[in-house]
């Protein structure tokens, strides 16, 4: 799924007509992932379960070494022109929603099912609807993601 994305993204940057759109649709049908070619995506990004039901806004930016669980939405909000920025090393749990002009900081953790409407500081863990900072247990404090 990601190699196919990287191919049609490259073709889109080279301004090849029609083929990037067809490959995007193939990705959408085969893997049920909405990952437009204009998304800026870093290295070693993991979309769990081949990006099952994941939706990413066309202008979103995703850094290196990011983990994105299934059924995640990274998108805009009504009345807002800016979209999320996911920095390197972030972990976004299954079913999370990251909406609007927010930044998920380096090595931040977004819990499963959280709805992020405000910036997440680097290294911070957030959970809930809307997402709020939480304390991590001692076992998770040294997480190297």
C-alpha atoms as a PDB file:
ATOM      1  CA  UNK A   1       0.000   0.000   0.000  1.00  0.00           C
ATOM      2  CA  UNK A   2       2.736   2.497   0.915  1.00  0.00           C
ATOM      3  CA  UNK A   3       4.964   1.559  -2.048  1.00  0.00           C
ATOM      4  CA  UNK A   4       1.973   2.202  -4.298  1.00  0.00           C
ATOM      5  CA  UNK A   5       1.438   5.574  -2.558  1.00  0.00           C
ATOM      6  CA  UNK A   6       5.090   6.502  -3.016  1.00  0.00           C
ATOM      7  CA  UNK A   7       4.851   5.636  -6.734  1.00  0.00           C
ATOM      8  CA  UNK A   8       1.755   7.714  -7.468  1.00  0.00           C
ATOM      9  CA  UNK A   9       3.020  10.528  -5.262  1.00  0.00           C
ATOM     10  CA  UNK A  10       6.240  10.644  -7.288  1.00  0.00           C
ATOM     11  CA  UNK A  11       4.265  10.615 -10.543  1.00  0.00           C
ATOM     12  CA  UNK A  12       2.033  13.405  -9.196  1.00  0.00           C
ATOM     13  CA  UNK A  13       5.108  15.548  -8.354  1.00  0.00           C
ATOM     14  CA  UNK A  14       6.406  14.943 -11.881  1.00  0.00           C
ATOM     15  CA  UNK A  15       3.007  16.160 -13.148  1.00  0.00           C
ATOM     16  CA  UNK A  16       2.203  12.936 -15.018  1.00  0.00           C
ATOM     17  CA  UNK A  17      -1.457  13.175 -16.086  1.00  0.00           C
ATOM     18  CA  UNK A  18      -4.147  10.624 -15.114  1.00  0.00           C
ATOM     19  CA  UNK A  19      -1.886   7.777 -13.907  1.00  0.00           C
ATOM     20  CA  UNK A  20      -1.463   9.083 -10.307  1.00  0.00           C
ATOM     21  CA  UNK A  21      -5.240   9.420  -9.994  1.00  0.00           C
ATOM     22  CA  UNK A  22      -5.799   5.873 -11.250  1.00  0.00           C
ATOM     23  CA  UNK A  23      -3.215   4.459  -8.840  1.00  0.00           C
ATOM     24  CA  UNK A  24      -4.788   6.461  -5.992  1.00  0.00           C
ATOM     25  CA  UNK A  25      -8.170   4.912  -6.831  1.00  0.00           C
ATOM     26  CA  UNK A  26      -6.591   1.446  -6.956  1.00  0.00           C
ATOM     27  CA  UNK A  27      -5.113   2.038  -3.488  1.00  0.00           C
ATOM     28  CA  UNK A  28      -8.521   3.249  -2.290  1.00  0.00           C
ATOM     29  CA  UNK A  29     -10.308   0.159  -3.604  1.00  0.00           C
ATOM     30  CA  UNK A  30      -7.740  -2.475  -2.590  1.00  0.00           C
ATOM     31  CA  UNK A  31      -6.796  -1.152   0.846  1.00  0.00           C
ATOM     32  CA  UNK A  32      -9.694   1.172   1.779  1.00  0.00           C
ATOM     33  CA  UNK A  33      -7.262   4.013   2.472  1.00  0.00           C
ATOM     34  CA  UNK A  34      -7.706   7.624   1.349  1.00  0.00           C
ATOM     35  CA  UNK A  35      -4.101   8.776   0.921  1.00  0.00           C
ATOM     36  CA  UNK A  36      -3.889  11.515  -1.746  1.00  0.00           C
ATOM     37  CA  UNK A  37      -0.638  11.928  -3.694  1.00  0.00           C
ATOM     38  CA  UNK A  38      -0.080  15.439  -2.324  1.00  0.00           C
ATOM     39  CA  UNK A  39       0.394  14.235   1.277  1.00  0.00           C
ATOM     40  CA  UNK A  40       3.939  14.896   2.517  1.00  0.00           C
ATOM     41  CA  UNK A  41       5.044  11.683   4.202  1.00  0.00           C
ATOM     42  CA  UNK A  42       8.400  10.941   5.824  1.00  0.00           C
ATOM     43  CA  UNK A  43      10.400   7.730   5.982  1.00  0.00           C
ATOM     44  CA  UNK A  44       9.499   4.631   8.003  1.00  0.00           C
ATOM     45  CA  UNK A  45       5.841   5.583   8.397  1.00  0.00           C
ATOM     46  CA  UNK A  46       3.677   2.629   9.426  1.00  0.00           C
ATOM     47  CA  UNK A  47      -0.005   2.472   8.562  1.00  0.00           C
ATOM     48  CA  UNK A  48      -1.311  -0.452  10.609  1.00  0.00           C
ATOM     49  CA  UNK A  49      -3.370  -3.106   8.821  1.00  0.00           C
ATOM     50  CA  UNK A  50      -2.393  -1.621   5.454  1.00  0.00           C
ATOM     51  CA  UNK A  51      -4.106   1.651   6.356  1.00  0.00           C
ATOM     52  CA  UNK A  52      -7.538   0.068   6.773  1.00  0.00           C
ATOM     53  CA  UNK A  53     -10.161   2.851   6.717  1.00  0.00           C
ATOM     54  CA  UNK A  54      -7.531   5.550   7.230  1.00  0.00           C
ATOM     55  CA  UNK A  55      -8.248   9.005   5.792  1.00  0.00           C
ATOM     56  CA  UNK A  56      -5.533  11.658   5.404  1.00  0.00           C
ATOM     57  CA  UNK A  57      -6.162  15.219   4.227  1.00  0.00           C
ATOM     58  CA  UNK A  58      -4.478  16.115   0.937  1.00  0.00           C
ATOM     59  CA  UNK A  59      -2.402  18.908   2.542  1.00  0.00           C
ATOM     60  CA  UNK A  60      -1.392  17.010   5.689  1.00  0.00           C
ATOM     61  CA  UNK A  61       2.245  16.520   6.623  1.00  0.00           C
ATOM     62  CA  UNK A  62       3.523  13.367   8.345  1.00  0.00           C
ATOM     63  CA  UNK A  63       7.087  13.129   9.671  1.00  0.00           C
ATOM     64  CA  UNK A  64       9.523  10.212   9.880  1.00  0.00           C
ATOM     65  CA  UNK A  65       9.002   7.104  12.039  1.00  0.00           C
ATOM     66  CA  UNK A  66       5.298   7.740  12.661  1.00  0.00           C
ATOM     67  CA  UNK A  67       2.895   4.934  13.574  1.00  0.00           C
ATOM     68  CA  UNK A  68      -0.728   5.393  12.495  1.00  0.00           C
ATOM     69  CA  UNK A  69      -3.305   2.840  13.614  1.00  0.00           C
ATOM     70  CA  UNK A  70      -6.310   1.692  11.566  1.00  0.00           C
ATOM     71  CA  UNK A  71      -9.398   3.885  11.107  1.00  0.00           C
ATOM     72  CA  UNK A  72      -7.509   7.109  11.861  1.00  0.00           C
ATOM     73  CA  UNK A  73      -8.664  10.409  10.384  1.00  0.00           C
ATOM     74  CA  UNK A  74      -6.123  13.179   9.874  1.00  0.00           C
ATOM     75  CA  UNK A  75      -8.075  16.050   8.413  1.00  0.00           C
ATOM     76  CA  UNK A  76      -9.300  19.600   8.446  1.00  0.00           C
ATOM     77  CA  UNK A  77     -12.200  21.247  10.243  1.00  0.00           C
ATOM     78  CA  UNK A  78     -15.013  23.349   8.894  1.00  0.00           C
ATOM     79  CA  UNK A  79     -14.007  26.991   8.651  1.00  0.00           C
ATOM     80  CA  UNK A  80     -10.284  26.238   9.056  1.00  0.00           C
ATOM     81  CA  UNK A  81      -7.843  26.407   6.157  1.00  0.00           C
ATOM     82  CA  UNK A  82      -4.915  24.700   7.884  1.00  0.00           C
ATOM     83  CA  UNK A  83      -4.558  20.960   8.440  1.00  0.00           C
ATOM     84  CA  UNK A  84      -2.663  18.747  10.919  1.00  0.00           C
ATOM     85  CA  UNK A  85       1.091  18.311  11.055  1.00  0.00           C
ATOM     86  CA  UNK A  86       2.317  15.047  12.554  1.00  0.00           C
ATOM     87  CA  UNK A  87       5.951  15.346  13.649  1.00  0.00           C
ATOM     88  CA  UNK A  88       8.572  12.581  13.723  1.00  0.00           C
ATOM     89  CA  UNK A  89       8.151   9.654  16.073  1.00  0.00           C
ATOM     90  CA  UNK A  90       4.480  10.268  16.872  1.00  0.00           C
ATOM     91  CA  UNK A  91       2.166   7.359  17.696  1.00  0.00           C
ATOM     92  CA  UNK A  92      -1.505   7.664  16.760  1.00  0.00           C
ATOM     93  CA  UNK A  93      -3.739   4.901  18.115  1.00  0.00           C
ATOM     94  CA  UNK A  94      -6.592   3.135  16.345  1.00  0.00           C
ATOM     95  CA  UNK A  95      -9.680   5.187  15.621  1.00  0.00           C
ATOM     96  CA  UNK A  96      -8.116   8.505  16.653  1.00  0.00           C
ATOM     97  CA  UNK A  97      -9.161  11.746  14.979  1.00  0.00           C
ATOM     98  CA  UNK A  98      -6.657  14.568  14.487  1.00  0.00           C
ATOM     99  CA  UNK A  99      -8.650  17.525  13.192  1.00  0.00           C
ATOM    100  CA  UNK A 100      -7.880  21.101  12.236  1.00  0.00           C
ATOM    101  CA  UNK A 101      -4.748  23.235  12.423  1.00  0.00           C
ATOM    102  CA  UNK A 102      -2.984  21.171  15.093  1.00  0.00           C
ATOM    103  CA  UNK A 103       0.530  19.864  15.515  1.00  0.00           C
ATOM    104  CA  UNK A 104       1.211  16.484  17.092  1.00  0.00           C
ATOM    105  CA  UNK A 105       4.704  16.944  18.511  1.00  0.00           C
ATOM    106  CA  UNK A 106       7.752  14.688  18.275  1.00  0.00           C
ATOM    107  CA  UNK A 107       7.327  11.350  20.063  1.00  0.00           C
ATOM    108  CA  UNK A 108       3.819  12.289  21.208  1.00  0.00           C
ATOM    109  CA  UNK A 109       1.236   9.591  21.844  1.00  0.00           C
ATOM    110  CA  UNK A 110      -2.404   9.920  20.837  1.00  0.00           C
ATOM    111  CA  UNK A 111      -4.532   7.224  22.490  1.00  0.00           C
ATOM    112  CA  UNK A 112      -6.990   5.067  20.578  1.00  0.00           C
ATOM    113  CA  UNK A 113     -10.280   6.830  19.975  1.00  0.00           C
ATOM    114  CA  UNK A 114      -8.991  10.270  21.009  1.00  0.00           C
ATOM    115  CA  UNK A 115     -10.196  13.391  19.222  1.00  0.00           C
ATOM    116  CA  UNK A 116      -7.328  15.882  18.968  1.00  0.00           C
ATOM    117  CA  UNK A 117      -8.505  19.479  18.484  1.00  0.00           C
ATOM    118  CA  UNK A 118      -5.503  21.297  20.030  1.00  0.00           C
ATOM    119  CA  UNK A 119      -1.727  20.991  19.740  1.00  0.00           C
ATOM    120  CA  UNK A 120      -0.012  18.060  21.432  1.00  0.00           C
ATOM    121  CA  UNK A 121       3.350  18.932  22.988  1.00  0.00           C
ATOM    122  CA  UNK A 122       6.419  16.831  22.118  1.00  0.00           C
ATOM    123  CA  UNK A 123       6.577  13.646  24.194  1.00  0.00           C
ATOM    124  CA  UNK A 124       3.103  14.176  25.635  1.00  0.00           C
ATOM    125  CA  UNK A 125       0.361  11.530  25.790  1.00  0.00           C
ATOM    126  CA  UNK A 126      -3.252  12.556  25.191  1.00  0.00           C
ATOM    127  CA  UNK A 127      -6.559  10.689  25.431  1.00  0.00           C
ATOM    128  CA  UNK A 128     -10.280  11.375  25.477  1.00  0.00           C
ATOM    129  CA  UNK A 129     -12.853  13.419  23.623  1.00  0.00           C
ATOM    130  CA  UNK A 130     -11.591  16.106  23.281  1.00  0.00           C
ATOM    131  CA  UNK A 131      -8.038  14.894  23.876  1.00  0.00           C
ATOM    132  CA  UNK A 132      -6.397  15.990  27.124  1.00  0.00           C
ATOM    133  CA  UNK A 133      -2.948  15.235  28.539  1.00  0.00           C
ATOM    134  CA  UNK A 134      -2.676  12.074  30.626  1.00  0.00           C
ATOM    135  CA  UNK A 135      -0.022  10.640  32.894  1.00  0.00           C
ATOM    136  CA  UNK A 136       1.763   7.578  31.599  1.00  0.00           C
ATOM    137  CA  UNK A 137       2.585   4.653  33.855  1.00  0.00           C
ATOM    138  CA  UNK A 138       6.204   4.026  34.816  1.00  0.00           C
ATOM    139  CA  UNK A 139       6.529   1.191  32.290  1.00  0.00           C
ATOM    140  CA  UNK A 140       5.618   3.481  29.390  1.00  0.00           C
ATOM    141  CA  UNK A 141       7.748   6.444  30.460  1.00  0.00           C
ATOM    142  CA  UNK A 142      10.852   5.214  28.589  1.00  0.00           C
ATOM    143  CA  UNK A 143       9.083   4.507  25.298  1.00  0.00           C
ATOM    144  CA  UNK A 144      11.473   4.887  22.341  1.00  0.00           C
ATOM    145  CA  UNK A 145       9.070   5.565  19.470  1.00  0.00           C
END
